[in-house]
N, C-alpha and C. Protein backbone atom coordinates (compact mmCIF):
# COMPACT_ATOMS: atom_id res chain seq x y z
N MET A 1 0.82 -1.19 0.00
CA MET A 1 0.00 0.00 0.00
C MET A 1 0.87 1.26 0.00
N ARG A 2 2.01 1.20 0.63
CA ARG A 2 2.89 2.35 0.70
C ARG A 2 3.37 2.78 -0.69
N PRO A 3 3.81 1.89 -1.61
CA PRO A 3 4.22 2.33 -2.94
C PRO A 3 3.08 3.02 -3.69
N TYR A 4 1.85 2.54 -3.50
CA TYR A 4 0.70 3.16 -4.15
C TYR A 4 0.55 4.60 -3.65
N TRP A 5 0.70 4.79 -2.33
CA TRP A 5 0.59 6.12 -1.74
C TRP A 5 1.61 7.09 -2.33
N PHE A 6 2.88 6.63 -2.45
CA PHE A 6 3.91 7.48 -3.02
C PHE A 6 3.62 7.79 -4.48
N ALA A 7 3.11 6.81 -5.20
CA ALA A 7 2.77 7.04 -6.61
C ALA A 7 1.66 8.08 -6.73
N LEU A 8 0.65 7.99 -5.84
CA LEU A 8 -0.47 8.94 -5.87
C LEU A 8 0.02 10.35 -5.54
N VAL A 9 0.85 10.47 -4.50
CA VAL A 9 1.39 11.77 -4.13
C VAL A 9 2.24 12.33 -5.27
N GLY A 10 3.05 11.49 -5.90
CA GLY A 10 3.89 11.92 -7.02
C GLY A 10 3.06 12.41 -8.19
N MET A 11 1.97 11.70 -8.50
CA MET A 11 1.10 12.11 -9.60
C MET A 11 0.43 13.44 -9.29
N MET A 12 0.03 13.62 -8.04
CA MET A 12 -0.61 14.88 -7.65
C MET A 12 0.39 16.04 -7.76
N ALA A 13 1.63 15.80 -7.36
CA ALA A 13 2.66 16.84 -7.46
C ALA A 13 2.90 17.22 -8.91
N VAL A 14 2.96 16.24 -9.80
CA VAL A 14 3.15 16.52 -11.22
C VAL A 14 1.96 17.29 -11.78
N ALA A 15 0.74 16.88 -11.40
CA ALA A 15 -0.46 17.56 -11.88
C ALA A 15 -0.50 18.99 -11.38
N THR A 16 -0.15 19.21 -10.11
CA THR A 16 -0.14 20.55 -9.56
C THR A 16 0.90 21.40 -10.27
N GLY A 17 2.07 20.86 -10.52
CA GLY A 17 3.12 21.59 -11.24
C GLY A 17 2.68 21.95 -12.64
N ALA A 18 2.00 21.03 -13.31
CA ALA A 18 1.52 21.31 -14.67
C ALA A 18 0.49 22.42 -14.65
N ALA A 19 -0.41 22.42 -13.64
CA ALA A 19 -1.42 23.46 -13.56
C ALA A 19 -0.77 24.82 -13.31
N GLN A 20 0.23 24.87 -12.46
CA GLN A 20 0.90 26.12 -12.17
C GLN A 20 1.70 26.61 -13.38
N ALA A 21 2.19 25.70 -14.18
CA ALA A 21 3.00 26.08 -15.33
C ALA A 21 2.17 26.78 -16.41
N GLU A 22 0.84 26.71 -16.34
CA GLU A 22 -0.02 27.33 -17.34
C GLU A 22 -0.10 28.84 -17.17
N THR A 23 0.20 29.36 -15.98
CA THR A 23 0.15 30.80 -15.77
C THR A 23 1.36 31.44 -16.43
N GLU A 24 1.08 32.37 -17.34
CA GLU A 24 2.13 33.06 -18.07
C GLU A 24 2.20 34.51 -17.59
N ASN A 25 3.40 35.05 -17.54
CA ASN A 25 3.60 36.43 -17.13
C ASN A 25 3.88 37.30 -18.34
N TYR A 26 3.26 38.48 -18.35
CA TYR A 26 3.40 39.42 -19.45
C TYR A 26 3.71 40.81 -18.88
N ALA A 27 4.49 41.59 -19.61
CA ALA A 27 4.77 42.98 -19.25
C ALA A 27 4.04 43.89 -20.23
N ILE A 28 3.39 44.91 -19.71
CA ILE A 28 2.67 45.86 -20.55
C ILE A 28 3.64 46.50 -21.54
N ASP A 29 3.24 46.52 -22.81
CA ASP A 29 4.02 47.18 -23.86
C ASP A 29 3.55 48.63 -23.95
N PRO A 30 4.33 49.59 -23.44
CA PRO A 30 3.86 50.97 -23.42
C PRO A 30 3.65 51.58 -24.80
N SER A 31 4.28 51.03 -25.82
CA SER A 31 4.10 51.59 -27.16
C SER A 31 2.80 51.12 -27.82
N HIS A 32 2.13 50.13 -27.21
CA HIS A 32 0.84 49.65 -27.73
C HIS A 32 -0.24 49.65 -26.65
N THR A 33 -0.04 50.45 -25.61
CA THR A 33 -1.01 50.52 -24.52
C THR A 33 -1.33 51.99 -24.26
N PHE A 34 -2.61 52.33 -24.33
CA PHE A 34 -3.05 53.70 -24.10
C PHE A 34 -4.36 53.70 -23.33
N VAL A 35 -4.47 54.61 -22.39
CA VAL A 35 -5.70 54.82 -21.65
C VAL A 35 -6.27 56.14 -22.14
N THR A 36 -7.44 56.08 -22.74
CA THR A 36 -8.08 57.24 -23.35
C THR A 36 -9.40 57.51 -22.65
N PHE A 37 -9.75 58.80 -22.50
CA PHE A 37 -11.04 59.15 -21.90
C PHE A 37 -11.81 60.07 -22.82
N GLU A 38 -13.13 60.03 -22.68
CA GLU A 38 -14.03 60.89 -23.46
C GLU A 38 -15.12 61.39 -22.53
N ILE A 39 -15.40 62.70 -22.60
CA ILE A 39 -16.49 63.28 -21.81
C ILE A 39 -17.16 64.36 -22.65
N GLY A 40 -18.48 64.40 -22.56
CA GLY A 40 -19.24 65.38 -23.33
C GLY A 40 -18.93 66.80 -22.92
N HIS A 41 -19.03 67.72 -23.90
CA HIS A 41 -18.75 69.13 -23.66
C HIS A 41 -19.98 69.94 -24.08
N PHE A 42 -20.84 70.25 -23.09
CA PHE A 42 -22.06 71.02 -23.29
C PHE A 42 -23.01 70.39 -24.32
N GLY A 43 -22.89 69.09 -24.55
CA GLY A 43 -23.76 68.43 -25.51
C GLY A 43 -23.45 68.80 -26.95
N ALA A 44 -22.37 69.55 -27.16
CA ALA A 44 -22.03 70.00 -28.51
C ALA A 44 -20.93 69.16 -29.13
N SER A 45 -19.99 68.72 -28.30
CA SER A 45 -18.85 67.94 -28.81
C SER A 45 -18.36 67.04 -27.69
N THR A 46 -17.26 66.37 -27.93
CA THR A 46 -16.68 65.45 -26.95
C THR A 46 -15.23 65.82 -26.71
N ASN A 47 -14.88 66.04 -25.45
CA ASN A 47 -13.47 66.24 -25.09
C ASN A 47 -12.81 64.88 -24.97
N ARG A 48 -11.61 64.76 -25.55
CA ARG A 48 -10.88 63.50 -25.50
C ARG A 48 -9.45 63.75 -25.05
N GLY A 49 -8.89 62.76 -24.38
CA GLY A 49 -7.50 62.84 -23.98
C GLY A 49 -6.98 61.44 -23.70
N ARG A 50 -5.67 61.36 -23.51
CA ARG A 50 -5.08 60.07 -23.19
C ARG A 50 -3.89 60.29 -22.26
N PHE A 51 -3.44 59.22 -21.67
CA PHE A 51 -2.28 59.25 -20.80
C PHE A 51 -1.14 58.53 -21.50
N ASP A 52 -0.02 59.24 -21.65
CA ASP A 52 1.08 58.72 -22.46
C ASP A 52 2.04 57.82 -21.69
N ARG A 53 2.08 57.91 -20.36
CA ARG A 53 3.00 57.08 -19.58
C ARG A 53 2.22 56.12 -18.69
N LYS A 54 2.50 54.84 -18.87
CA LYS A 54 1.84 53.80 -18.08
C LYS A 54 2.75 52.59 -18.05
N GLU A 55 2.54 51.74 -17.05
CA GLU A 55 3.32 50.51 -16.94
C GLU A 55 2.47 49.49 -16.19
N GLY A 56 2.87 48.24 -16.30
CA GLY A 56 2.12 47.23 -15.59
C GLY A 56 2.45 45.83 -16.03
N SER A 57 1.68 44.90 -15.50
CA SER A 57 1.92 43.49 -15.78
C SER A 57 0.59 42.74 -15.83
N VAL A 58 0.65 41.59 -16.48
CA VAL A 58 -0.52 40.71 -16.61
C VAL A 58 -0.06 39.28 -16.32
N GLN A 59 -0.88 38.56 -15.59
CA GLN A 59 -0.72 37.12 -15.44
C GLN A 59 -1.95 36.49 -16.06
N LEU A 60 -1.74 35.51 -16.91
CA LEU A 60 -2.86 34.92 -17.65
C LEU A 60 -2.70 33.42 -17.74
N ASP A 61 -3.76 32.72 -17.38
CA ASP A 61 -3.82 31.26 -17.53
C ASP A 61 -5.06 30.98 -18.38
N ARG A 62 -4.84 30.80 -19.67
CA ARG A 62 -5.97 30.60 -20.58
C ARG A 62 -6.62 29.23 -20.43
N THR A 63 -5.88 28.26 -19.88
CA THR A 63 -6.47 26.93 -19.65
C THR A 63 -7.44 26.98 -18.48
N ALA A 64 -7.00 27.57 -17.36
CA ALA A 64 -7.87 27.68 -16.18
C ALA A 64 -8.82 28.86 -16.28
N LYS A 65 -8.60 29.72 -17.28
CA LYS A 65 -9.43 30.91 -17.52
C LYS A 65 -9.43 31.84 -16.30
N VAL A 66 -8.22 32.18 -15.87
CA VAL A 66 -8.04 33.13 -14.77
C VAL A 66 -6.91 34.08 -15.14
N GLY A 67 -6.85 35.20 -14.44
CA GLY A 67 -5.77 36.15 -14.69
C GLY A 67 -5.76 37.27 -13.68
N LYS A 68 -4.71 38.06 -13.77
CA LYS A 68 -4.55 39.27 -12.95
C LYS A 68 -3.89 40.32 -13.82
N VAL A 69 -4.29 41.56 -13.62
CA VAL A 69 -3.68 42.66 -14.35
C VAL A 69 -3.49 43.83 -13.40
N GLU A 70 -2.40 44.54 -13.58
CA GLU A 70 -2.13 45.75 -12.82
C GLU A 70 -1.54 46.77 -13.76
N ILE A 71 -2.19 47.92 -13.88
CA ILE A 71 -1.71 49.00 -14.74
C ILE A 71 -1.64 50.27 -13.91
N SER A 72 -0.46 50.90 -13.89
CA SER A 72 -0.27 52.20 -13.24
C SER A 72 -0.23 53.27 -14.32
N ILE A 73 -0.93 54.37 -14.07
CA ILE A 73 -1.05 55.44 -15.05
C ILE A 73 -0.46 56.71 -14.46
N ASP A 74 0.47 57.32 -15.15
CA ASP A 74 1.07 58.59 -14.73
C ASP A 74 0.10 59.71 -15.11
N MET A 75 -0.55 60.29 -14.10
CA MET A 75 -1.58 61.29 -14.36
C MET A 75 -0.99 62.61 -14.88
N THR A 76 0.31 62.81 -14.70
CA THR A 76 0.93 64.03 -15.23
C THR A 76 1.19 63.92 -16.73
N SER A 77 0.94 62.74 -17.31
CA SER A 77 1.21 62.54 -18.73
C SER A 77 -0.03 62.72 -19.60
N VAL A 78 -1.08 63.37 -19.05
CA VAL A 78 -2.30 63.57 -19.82
C VAL A 78 -1.99 64.38 -21.07
N SER A 79 -2.58 63.98 -22.18
CA SER A 79 -2.32 64.62 -23.46
C SER A 79 -3.63 64.78 -24.22
N THR A 80 -3.99 66.05 -24.47
CA THR A 80 -5.23 66.35 -25.20
C THR A 80 -4.96 67.00 -26.54
N GLY A 81 -3.69 67.39 -26.76
CA GLY A 81 -3.37 68.13 -27.97
C GLY A 81 -3.30 69.63 -27.72
N THR A 82 -3.70 70.06 -26.51
CA THR A 82 -3.67 71.47 -26.14
C THR A 82 -3.00 71.59 -24.79
N GLU A 83 -1.85 72.25 -24.74
CA GLU A 83 -1.07 72.33 -23.50
C GLU A 83 -1.85 72.99 -22.36
N ALA A 84 -2.59 74.05 -22.66
CA ALA A 84 -3.35 74.75 -21.62
C ALA A 84 -4.41 73.83 -21.02
N PHE A 85 -5.06 73.02 -21.85
CA PHE A 85 -6.07 72.08 -21.36
C PHE A 85 -5.41 70.98 -20.54
N ASN A 86 -4.23 70.50 -20.98
CA ASN A 86 -3.49 69.50 -20.20
C ASN A 86 -3.23 70.01 -18.79
N LYS A 87 -2.76 71.27 -18.67
CA LYS A 87 -2.46 71.85 -17.36
C LYS A 87 -3.71 71.99 -16.51
N PHE A 88 -4.81 72.39 -17.14
CA PHE A 88 -6.07 72.50 -16.41
C PHE A 88 -6.50 71.15 -15.86
N LEU A 89 -6.41 70.10 -16.68
CA LEU A 89 -6.80 68.76 -16.24
C LEU A 89 -5.91 68.26 -15.10
N GLN A 90 -4.64 68.63 -15.11
CA GLN A 90 -3.73 68.22 -14.04
C GLN A 90 -3.98 68.98 -12.74
N GLY A 91 -4.73 70.09 -12.82
CA GLY A 91 -4.97 70.93 -11.66
C GLY A 91 -5.86 70.28 -10.61
N PHE A 92 -6.00 70.98 -9.47
CA PHE A 92 -6.70 70.41 -8.31
C PHE A 92 -8.17 70.17 -8.57
N GLU A 93 -8.78 70.85 -9.56
CA GLU A 93 -10.22 70.67 -9.79
C GLU A 93 -10.56 69.39 -10.56
N ILE A 94 -9.57 68.82 -11.24
CA ILE A 94 -9.84 67.60 -12.02
C ILE A 94 -8.99 66.44 -11.49
N PHE A 95 -7.78 66.25 -12.00
CA PHE A 95 -6.96 65.09 -11.60
C PHE A 95 -6.10 65.34 -10.37
N ASP A 96 -5.86 66.60 -10.03
CA ASP A 96 -5.00 66.95 -8.89
C ASP A 96 -3.73 66.09 -8.90
N SER A 97 -3.04 66.14 -10.03
CA SER A 97 -1.88 65.25 -10.22
C SER A 97 -0.70 65.60 -9.32
N ALA A 98 -0.68 66.80 -8.73
CA ALA A 98 0.38 67.12 -7.77
C ALA A 98 0.22 66.29 -6.50
N THR A 99 -1.03 66.07 -6.10
CA THR A 99 -1.31 65.27 -4.89
C THR A 99 -1.43 63.79 -5.22
N TYR A 100 -2.03 63.48 -6.36
CA TYR A 100 -2.28 62.08 -6.76
C TYR A 100 -1.66 61.84 -8.14
N PRO A 101 -0.34 61.66 -8.21
CA PRO A 101 0.34 61.55 -9.51
C PRO A 101 0.09 60.24 -10.25
N THR A 102 -0.47 59.24 -9.54
CA THR A 102 -0.66 57.92 -10.17
C THR A 102 -2.09 57.43 -9.96
N ALA A 103 -2.66 56.87 -11.01
CA ALA A 103 -3.91 56.12 -10.90
C ALA A 103 -3.57 54.66 -11.17
N LYS A 104 -4.39 53.76 -10.64
CA LYS A 104 -4.05 52.35 -10.81
C LYS A 104 -5.32 51.52 -11.03
N PHE A 105 -5.27 50.64 -12.05
CA PHE A 105 -6.32 49.64 -12.25
C PHE A 105 -5.74 48.29 -11.88
N MET A 106 -6.47 47.57 -11.02
CA MET A 106 -6.08 46.21 -10.65
C MET A 106 -7.29 45.31 -10.90
N GLY A 107 -7.11 44.33 -11.79
CA GLY A 107 -8.19 43.41 -12.11
C GLY A 107 -7.80 41.98 -11.80
N ASP A 108 -8.73 41.24 -11.18
CA ASP A 108 -8.43 39.85 -10.85
C ASP A 108 -9.59 38.90 -11.14
N LYS A 109 -10.61 39.41 -11.81
CA LYS A 109 -11.74 38.55 -12.19
C LYS A 109 -11.89 38.62 -13.71
N PHE A 110 -11.32 37.63 -14.37
CA PHE A 110 -11.36 37.57 -15.83
C PHE A 110 -12.53 36.70 -16.27
N SER A 111 -13.25 37.17 -17.28
CA SER A 111 -14.28 36.35 -17.92
C SER A 111 -13.82 36.05 -19.33
N PHE A 112 -14.19 34.87 -19.81
CA PHE A 112 -13.74 34.42 -21.13
C PHE A 112 -14.94 34.08 -22.01
N SER A 113 -14.76 34.28 -23.30
CA SER A 113 -15.67 33.78 -24.32
C SER A 113 -14.82 32.86 -25.19
N ALA A 114 -15.07 31.57 -25.10
CA ALA A 114 -14.18 30.57 -25.70
C ALA A 114 -12.79 30.75 -25.09
N ASP A 115 -11.77 31.00 -25.91
CA ASP A 115 -10.40 31.15 -25.39
C ASP A 115 -9.97 32.61 -25.22
N ASN A 116 -10.88 33.53 -25.45
CA ASN A 116 -10.51 34.94 -25.40
C ASN A 116 -11.12 35.65 -24.20
N VAL A 117 -10.37 36.59 -23.66
CA VAL A 117 -10.86 37.40 -22.54
C VAL A 117 -12.01 38.27 -23.03
N SER A 118 -13.14 38.25 -22.32
CA SER A 118 -14.29 39.07 -22.70
C SER A 118 -14.51 40.25 -21.76
N GLU A 119 -14.07 40.13 -20.51
CA GLU A 119 -14.10 41.26 -19.60
C GLU A 119 -13.19 41.02 -18.41
N VAL A 120 -12.79 42.12 -17.78
CA VAL A 120 -11.94 42.07 -16.59
C VAL A 120 -12.59 42.97 -15.55
N ALA A 121 -12.90 42.40 -14.39
CA ALA A 121 -13.46 43.17 -13.28
C ALA A 121 -12.37 43.42 -12.26
N GLY A 122 -12.37 44.62 -11.72
CA GLY A 122 -11.36 44.97 -10.72
C GLY A 122 -11.68 46.29 -10.08
N THR A 123 -10.64 47.03 -9.71
CA THR A 123 -10.81 48.32 -9.06
C THR A 123 -9.94 49.37 -9.73
N LEU A 124 -10.46 50.59 -9.72
CA LEU A 124 -9.71 51.75 -10.21
C LEU A 124 -9.48 52.68 -9.04
N THR A 125 -8.21 52.99 -8.77
CA THR A 125 -7.87 53.96 -7.74
C THR A 125 -7.47 55.26 -8.42
N LEU A 126 -8.21 56.31 -8.08
CA LEU A 126 -8.04 57.62 -8.69
C LEU A 126 -8.37 58.67 -7.63
N LEU A 127 -7.58 59.70 -7.53
CA LEU A 127 -7.79 60.75 -6.53
C LEU A 127 -7.89 60.18 -5.11
N GLY A 128 -7.14 59.12 -4.86
CA GLY A 128 -7.11 58.52 -3.53
C GLY A 128 -8.32 57.68 -3.17
N LYS A 129 -9.22 57.47 -4.12
CA LYS A 129 -10.42 56.66 -3.87
C LYS A 129 -10.40 55.44 -4.77
N THR A 130 -10.88 54.31 -4.25
CA THR A 130 -10.90 53.05 -5.00
C THR A 130 -12.33 52.58 -5.16
N ASN A 131 -12.72 52.32 -6.40
CA ASN A 131 -14.07 51.84 -6.71
C ASN A 131 -14.00 50.73 -7.76
N PRO A 132 -15.04 49.87 -7.77
CA PRO A 132 -15.05 48.79 -8.76
C PRO A 132 -15.27 49.30 -10.18
N VAL A 133 -14.63 48.64 -11.13
CA VAL A 133 -14.79 48.94 -12.55
C VAL A 133 -14.73 47.62 -13.32
N VAL A 134 -15.58 47.50 -14.32
CA VAL A 134 -15.56 46.33 -15.21
C VAL A 134 -15.19 46.80 -16.61
N LEU A 135 -14.08 46.27 -17.13
CA LEU A 135 -13.65 46.58 -18.48
C LEU A 135 -14.14 45.50 -19.42
N LYS A 136 -14.93 45.88 -20.42
CA LYS A 136 -15.46 44.92 -21.39
C LYS A 136 -14.58 44.94 -22.64
N ALA A 137 -14.26 43.75 -23.13
CA ALA A 137 -13.38 43.64 -24.30
C ALA A 137 -14.20 43.74 -25.58
N ASN A 138 -13.79 44.64 -26.47
CA ASN A 138 -14.36 44.69 -27.82
C ASN A 138 -13.68 43.68 -28.72
N GLN A 139 -12.42 43.40 -28.39
CA GLN A 139 -11.66 42.36 -29.09
C GLN A 139 -10.49 41.96 -28.22
N PHE A 140 -10.01 40.75 -28.42
CA PHE A 140 -8.87 40.24 -27.66
C PHE A 140 -8.23 39.13 -28.47
N ARG A 141 -6.89 39.09 -28.43
CA ARG A 141 -6.19 38.06 -29.20
C ARG A 141 -4.75 37.95 -28.71
N CYS A 142 -4.20 36.76 -28.80
CA CYS A 142 -2.77 36.53 -28.57
C CYS A 142 -2.14 36.15 -29.90
N TYR A 143 -0.92 36.63 -30.14
CA TYR A 143 -0.24 36.35 -31.40
C TYR A 143 1.26 36.34 -31.17
N ARG A 144 1.99 35.78 -32.11
CA ARG A 144 3.45 35.80 -32.05
C ARG A 144 3.93 37.05 -32.76
N SER A 145 4.60 37.92 -32.01
CA SER A 145 5.06 39.19 -32.56
C SER A 145 6.29 38.98 -33.44
N PRO A 146 6.26 39.50 -34.67
CA PRO A 146 7.44 39.42 -35.52
C PRO A 146 8.55 40.38 -35.08
N VAL A 147 8.22 41.33 -34.22
CA VAL A 147 9.20 42.29 -33.70
C VAL A 147 9.89 41.73 -32.47
N TYR A 148 9.08 41.28 -31.48
CA TYR A 148 9.64 40.80 -30.21
C TYR A 148 10.00 39.31 -30.24
N LEU A 149 9.52 38.60 -31.28
CA LEU A 149 9.72 37.16 -31.41
C LEU A 149 9.24 36.40 -30.17
N ARG A 150 8.16 36.92 -29.60
CA ARG A 150 7.51 36.32 -28.44
C ARG A 150 6.01 36.50 -28.57
N GLU A 151 5.29 35.79 -27.72
CA GLU A 151 3.84 35.94 -27.72
C GLU A 151 3.45 37.28 -27.12
N VAL A 152 2.47 37.92 -27.74
CA VAL A 152 1.88 39.16 -27.25
C VAL A 152 0.37 38.94 -27.17
N CYS A 153 -0.23 39.35 -26.06
CA CYS A 153 -1.68 39.28 -25.91
C CYS A 153 -2.20 40.70 -25.70
N GLY A 154 -3.35 40.97 -26.29
CA GLY A 154 -3.89 42.31 -26.11
C GLY A 154 -5.30 42.45 -26.62
N GLY A 155 -5.87 43.61 -26.36
CA GLY A 155 -7.22 43.87 -26.80
C GLY A 155 -7.62 45.31 -26.58
N ASP A 156 -8.82 45.61 -27.01
CA ASP A 156 -9.44 46.91 -26.79
C ASP A 156 -10.54 46.73 -25.76
N PHE A 157 -10.46 47.48 -24.66
CA PHE A 157 -11.42 47.38 -23.57
C PHE A 157 -12.08 48.73 -23.35
N GLU A 158 -13.28 48.72 -22.77
CA GLU A 158 -13.95 49.98 -22.48
C GLU A 158 -14.84 49.86 -21.25
N ALA A 159 -15.10 51.00 -20.64
CA ALA A 159 -16.00 51.09 -19.50
C ALA A 159 -16.52 52.51 -19.44
N THR A 160 -17.69 52.68 -18.85
CA THR A 160 -18.22 54.01 -18.56
C THR A 160 -18.30 54.13 -17.05
N ILE A 161 -17.68 55.19 -16.51
CA ILE A 161 -17.65 55.36 -15.07
C ILE A 161 -18.36 56.66 -14.69
N ASP A 162 -18.79 56.74 -13.44
CA ASP A 162 -19.36 57.95 -12.87
C ASP A 162 -18.24 58.65 -12.11
N ARG A 163 -17.72 59.74 -12.64
CA ARG A 163 -16.56 60.40 -12.06
C ARG A 163 -16.81 60.91 -10.64
N VAL A 164 -18.07 61.14 -10.30
CA VAL A 164 -18.41 61.61 -8.96
C VAL A 164 -18.03 60.57 -7.91
N ASP A 165 -18.04 59.30 -8.28
CA ASP A 165 -17.64 58.24 -7.35
C ASP A 165 -16.20 58.42 -6.86
N TRP A 166 -15.39 59.13 -7.63
CA TRP A 166 -14.00 59.39 -7.25
C TRP A 166 -13.82 60.83 -6.73
N GLY A 167 -14.94 61.55 -6.55
CA GLY A 167 -14.86 62.91 -6.03
C GLY A 167 -14.54 63.95 -7.08
N MET A 168 -14.70 63.63 -8.35
CA MET A 168 -14.41 64.56 -9.43
C MET A 168 -15.71 65.25 -9.83
N ASN A 169 -15.97 66.38 -9.17
CA ASN A 169 -17.27 67.06 -9.32
C ASN A 169 -17.25 68.29 -10.21
N TYR A 170 -16.08 68.67 -10.69
CA TYR A 170 -15.97 69.92 -11.45
C TYR A 170 -16.95 69.94 -12.64
N GLY A 171 -17.60 71.08 -12.82
CA GLY A 171 -18.43 71.31 -14.00
C GLY A 171 -19.84 70.77 -13.92
N LEU A 172 -20.20 70.08 -12.83
CA LEU A 172 -21.55 69.54 -12.74
C LEU A 172 -22.59 70.66 -12.78
N ILE A 173 -22.30 71.78 -12.12
CA ILE A 173 -23.27 72.89 -12.10
C ILE A 173 -23.38 73.57 -13.46
N PHE A 174 -22.40 73.36 -14.34
CA PHE A 174 -22.46 73.92 -15.70
C PHE A 174 -23.12 72.96 -16.68
N GLY A 175 -23.42 71.75 -16.23
CA GLY A 175 -24.06 70.77 -17.10
C GLY A 175 -23.13 69.74 -17.70
N PHE A 176 -21.85 69.73 -17.27
CA PHE A 176 -20.97 68.66 -17.75
C PHE A 176 -21.47 67.32 -17.22
N PRO A 177 -21.43 66.28 -18.02
CA PRO A 177 -21.94 64.98 -17.57
C PRO A 177 -21.08 64.36 -16.47
N ARG A 178 -21.74 63.52 -15.68
CA ARG A 178 -21.04 62.75 -14.65
C ARG A 178 -20.26 61.59 -15.26
N THR A 179 -20.75 61.09 -16.37
CA THR A 179 -20.16 59.87 -16.94
C THR A 179 -18.96 60.18 -17.84
N VAL A 180 -17.96 59.32 -17.73
CA VAL A 180 -16.76 59.39 -18.55
C VAL A 180 -16.58 58.03 -19.21
N HIS A 181 -16.35 58.04 -20.50
CA HIS A 181 -16.13 56.81 -21.25
C HIS A 181 -14.63 56.55 -21.31
N LEU A 182 -14.20 55.39 -20.83
CA LEU A 182 -12.79 54.99 -20.87
C LEU A 182 -12.59 53.98 -21.99
N VAL A 183 -11.55 54.16 -22.77
CA VAL A 183 -11.17 53.21 -23.80
C VAL A 183 -9.72 52.84 -23.54
N ILE A 184 -9.46 51.56 -23.34
CA ILE A 184 -8.11 51.11 -23.01
C ILE A 184 -7.63 50.13 -24.07
N GLN A 185 -6.62 50.55 -24.77
CA GLN A 185 -5.93 49.69 -25.74
C GLN A 185 -4.73 49.13 -25.00
N VAL A 186 -4.63 47.80 -24.91
CA VAL A 186 -3.53 47.23 -24.15
C VAL A 186 -2.93 46.04 -24.87
N GLU A 187 -1.61 45.98 -24.88
CA GLU A 187 -0.90 44.80 -25.35
C GLU A 187 0.22 44.51 -24.34
N ALA A 188 0.47 43.24 -24.11
CA ALA A 188 1.47 42.83 -23.13
C ALA A 188 2.32 41.72 -23.72
N ILE A 189 3.62 41.78 -23.44
CA ILE A 189 4.61 40.87 -24.04
C ILE A 189 4.94 39.77 -23.04
N LYS A 190 4.88 38.53 -23.50
CA LYS A 190 5.21 37.39 -22.65
C LYS A 190 6.67 37.46 -22.20
N GLN A 191 6.88 37.23 -20.92
CA GLN A 191 8.22 37.31 -20.34
C GLN A 191 8.88 35.93 -20.26
């Protein structure tokens, strides 16, 4: 009976090792990752901007259909195409980037459609406040990069948030909307 026990324990150890080996680590590719926001402007047009500096990592197990993602966003890197507007957004009435220079998304609940990520639920920390956010994938795919000669996974994700949940109240009395549309283009390189 003892040899059987050792064989069973050995098989379990091999199976556990194989399951753990499925988790792959990826580093965010900053040249293919952008966090973009859109907010209405008096119902006449849409203000848009993006953050140019970000970093992070992804852990993905497509077999077990689980993952984790962490993206840090440099709030001082906001870019709208107009320097005066960039400075206004960095000011205390909007992003207050002097006090809160970094925003962070952390997601640990991945949903899949077949083999592709369909949404990631997690939290967004902005202006010192953390609230839940669900990013829905418009597309997702892994491919072998001819540049990096490694696997790259990425997609286009989006969410609509209520900025008031983070204490961003500027412009409400003028009729600016509470809702902000986030569009996140992300690609990560297998390590």
